[in-house]
Amino acid sequence: MLRRLLDAVAASPDDVSLRLYVASVMLNRGEATEALEQCSAVLNHVPGHPGAITLLRRATGMLSDPADVGEGYGEVNWAAYEEELSSDPS
């Protein structure tokens, strides 16, 4: 599944929602370093993106202390981001 998602990101590198979803999947798999790369790509495209920052914090927390990630920490409200993206002409 992850390989297909990464192929989709390669085909649509500016798809912010897709990159954030991939980062979330990576974090759930314990792949914090790889998730950071996806978050960084989003932030390069959309500086200050709240979803990317949330996931970035979660990934950083996992790297600094994997046992201290807290339940529910870093959950993404996809509906809010899709609404934000649909109203943002950039």
C-alpha atoms as a PDB file:
ATOM      1  CA  MET A   1       0.000   0.000   0.000  1.00  0.00           C
ATOM      2  CA  LEU A   2       2.704   2.511   0.958  1.00  0.00           C
ATOM      3  CA  ARG A   3       4.573   1.870  -2.299  1.00  0.00           C
ATOM      4  CA  ARG A   4       1.430   2.790  -4.264  1.00  0.00           C
ATOM      5  CA  LEU A   5       0.978   5.935  -2.206  1.00  0.00           C
ATOM      6  CA  LEU A   6       4.580   6.951  -2.842  1.00  0.00           C
ATOM      7  CA  ASP A   7       4.069   6.324  -6.558  1.00  0.00           C
ATOM      8  CA  ALA A   8       1.013   8.597  -6.408  1.00  0.00           C
ATOM      9  CA  VAL A   9       3.089  11.300  -4.661  1.00  0.00           C
ATOM     10  CA  ALA A  10       5.741  10.996  -7.368  1.00  0.00           C
ATOM     11  CA  ALA A  11       3.040  11.454 -10.008  1.00  0.00           C
ATOM     12  CA  SER A  12       1.434  14.408  -8.164  1.00  0.00           C
ATOM     13  CA  PRO A  13       4.160  16.021  -6.043  1.00  0.00           C
ATOM     14  CA  ASP A  14       2.084  19.147  -5.347  1.00  0.00           C
ATOM     15  CA  ASP A  15      -0.871  17.216  -3.897  1.00  0.00           C
ATOM     16  CA  VAL A  16      -0.750  18.455  -0.312  1.00  0.00           C
ATOM     17  CA  SER A  17      -3.554  16.238   0.979  1.00  0.00           C
ATOM     18  CA  LEU A  18      -1.906  13.156  -0.478  1.00  0.00           C
ATOM     19  CA  ARG A  19       1.476  14.015   1.047  1.00  0.00           C
ATOM     20  CA  LEU A  20      -0.120  14.568   4.450  1.00  0.00           C
ATOM     21  CA  TYR A  21      -1.948  11.274   4.198  1.00  0.00           C
ATOM     22  CA  VAL A  22       1.304   9.515   3.281  1.00  0.00           C
ATOM     23  CA  ALA A  23       3.046  11.182   6.234  1.00  0.00           C
ATOM     24  CA  SER A  24       0.261   9.988   8.526  1.00  0.00           C
ATOM     25  CA  VAL A  25       0.570   6.414   7.227  1.00  0.00           C
ATOM     26  CA  MET A  26       4.324   6.564   7.712  1.00  0.00           C
ATOM     27  CA  LEU A  27       3.927   7.764  11.286  1.00  0.00           C
ATOM     28  CA  ASN A  28       1.496   4.959  12.021  1.00  0.00           C
ATOM     29  CA  ARG A  29       4.156   2.558  10.727  1.00  0.00           C
ATOM     30  CA  GLY A  30       6.814   4.167  12.940  1.00  0.00           C
ATOM     31  CA  GLU A  31       8.636   5.762  10.001  1.00  0.00           C
ATOM     32  CA  ALA A  32       9.096   9.211  11.513  1.00  0.00           C
ATOM     33  CA  THR A  33      12.115  10.245   9.435  1.00  0.00           C
ATOM     34  CA  GLU A  34      10.308   9.481   6.187  1.00  0.00           C
ATOM     35  CA  ALA A  35       7.203  11.303   7.433  1.00  0.00           C
ATOM     36  CA  LEU A  36       9.354  14.374   8.130  1.00  0.00           C
ATOM     37  CA  GLU A  37      10.368  14.411   4.477  1.00  0.00           C
ATOM     38  CA  GLN A  38       6.721  14.498   3.395  1.00  0.00           C
ATOM     39  CA  CYS A  39       5.901  17.252   5.895  1.00  0.00           C
ATOM     40  CA  SER A  40       8.884  19.291   4.719  1.00  0.00           C
ATOM     41  CA  ALA A  41       7.741  18.981   1.109  1.00  0.00           C
ATOM     42  CA  VAL A  42       4.295  20.286   2.087  1.00  0.00           C
ATOM     43  CA  LEU A  43       5.786  23.175   4.048  1.00  0.00           C
ATOM     44  CA  ASN A  44       7.999  24.090   1.089  1.00  0.00           C
ATOM     45  CA  HIS A  45       4.873  24.270  -1.051  1.00  0.00           C
ATOM     46  CA  VAL A  46       2.501  25.786   1.546  1.00  0.00           C
ATOM     47  CA  PRO A  47       4.509  27.499   4.315  1.00  0.00           C
ATOM     48  CA  GLY A  48       2.856  27.288   7.712  1.00  0.00           C
ATOM     49  CA  HIS A  49       0.365  24.587   6.697  1.00  0.00           C
ATOM     50  CA  PRO A  50      -1.251  23.559  10.010  1.00  0.00           C
ATOM     51  CA  GLY A  51      -1.629  19.882   9.084  1.00  0.00           C
ATOM     52  CA  ALA A  52       1.999  19.606   8.087  1.00  0.00           C
ATOM     53  CA  ILE A  53       3.088  21.320  11.282  1.00  0.00           C
ATOM     54  CA  THR A  54       0.944  18.981  13.391  1.00  0.00           C
ATOM     55  CA  LEU A  55       2.411  15.905  11.732  1.00  0.00           C
ATOM     56  CA  LEU A  56       5.903  17.393  11.879  1.00  0.00           C
ATOM     57  CA  ARG A  57       5.553  17.805  15.648  1.00  0.00           C
ATOM     58  CA  ARG A  58       4.314  14.244  15.974  1.00  0.00           C
ATOM     59  CA  ALA A  59       7.238  12.916  13.919  1.00  0.00           C
ATOM     60  CA  THR A  60       9.731  14.976  15.896  1.00  0.00           C
ATOM     61  CA  GLY A  61       8.226  13.664  19.127  1.00  0.00           C
ATOM     62  CA  MET A  62       8.561  10.097  17.887  1.00  0.00           C
ATOM     63  CA  LEU A  63      12.212  10.665  17.041  1.00  0.00           C
ATOM     64  CA  SER A  64      13.042  12.266  20.368  1.00  0.00           C
ATOM     65  CA  ASP A  65      11.082   9.769  22.504  1.00  0.00           C
ATOM     66  CA  PRO A  66       9.065   7.105  20.678  1.00  0.00           C
ATOM     67  CA  ALA A  67       7.198   6.170  23.866  1.00  0.00           C
ATOM     68  CA  ASP A  68       6.035   9.765  24.451  1.00  0.00           C
ATOM     69  CA  VAL A  69       3.711  10.319  21.491  1.00  0.00           C
ATOM     70  CA  GLY A  70       0.448  10.359  23.416  1.00  0.00           C
ATOM     71  CA  GLU A  71      -2.859   8.942  22.279  1.00  0.00           C
ATOM     72  CA  GLY A  72      -4.612  11.059  19.663  1.00  0.00           C
ATOM     73  CA  TYR A  73      -1.660  13.377  19.282  1.00  0.00           C
ATOM     74  CA  GLY A  74      -1.262  14.600  15.740  1.00  0.00           C
ATOM     75  CA  GLU A  75      -4.603  13.426  14.383  1.00  0.00           C
ATOM     76  CA  VAL A  76      -5.462  15.268  11.200  1.00  0.00           C
ATOM     77  CA  ASN A  77      -8.837  16.810  10.429  1.00  0.00           C
ATOM     78  CA  TRP A  78      -8.887  15.996   6.716  1.00  0.00           C
ATOM     79  CA  ALA A  79     -12.232  17.712   6.082  1.00  0.00           C
ATOM     80  CA  ALA A  80     -10.857  21.007   7.372  1.00  0.00           C
ATOM     81  CA  TYR A  81      -7.767  20.773   5.182  1.00  0.00           C
ATOM     82  CA  GLU A  82      -9.735  19.844   2.086  1.00  0.00           C
ATOM     83  CA  GLU A  83     -12.001  22.826   2.699  1.00  0.00           C
ATOM     84  CA  GLU A  84      -8.950  25.046   3.188  1.00  0.00           C
ATOM     85  CA  LEU A  85      -7.359  23.778   0.003  1.00  0.00           C
ATOM     86  CA  SER A  86     -10.520  24.158  -2.059  1.00  0.00           C
ATOM     87  CA  SER A  87     -10.828  27.799  -1.001  1.00  0.00           C
ATOM     88  CA  ASP A  88      -7.131  28.574  -1.559  1.00  0.00           C
ATOM     89  CA  PRO A  89      -6.456  29.530  -5.209  1.00  0.00           C
ATOM     90  CA  SER A  90      -2.697  28.841  -4.957  1.00  0.00           C
END
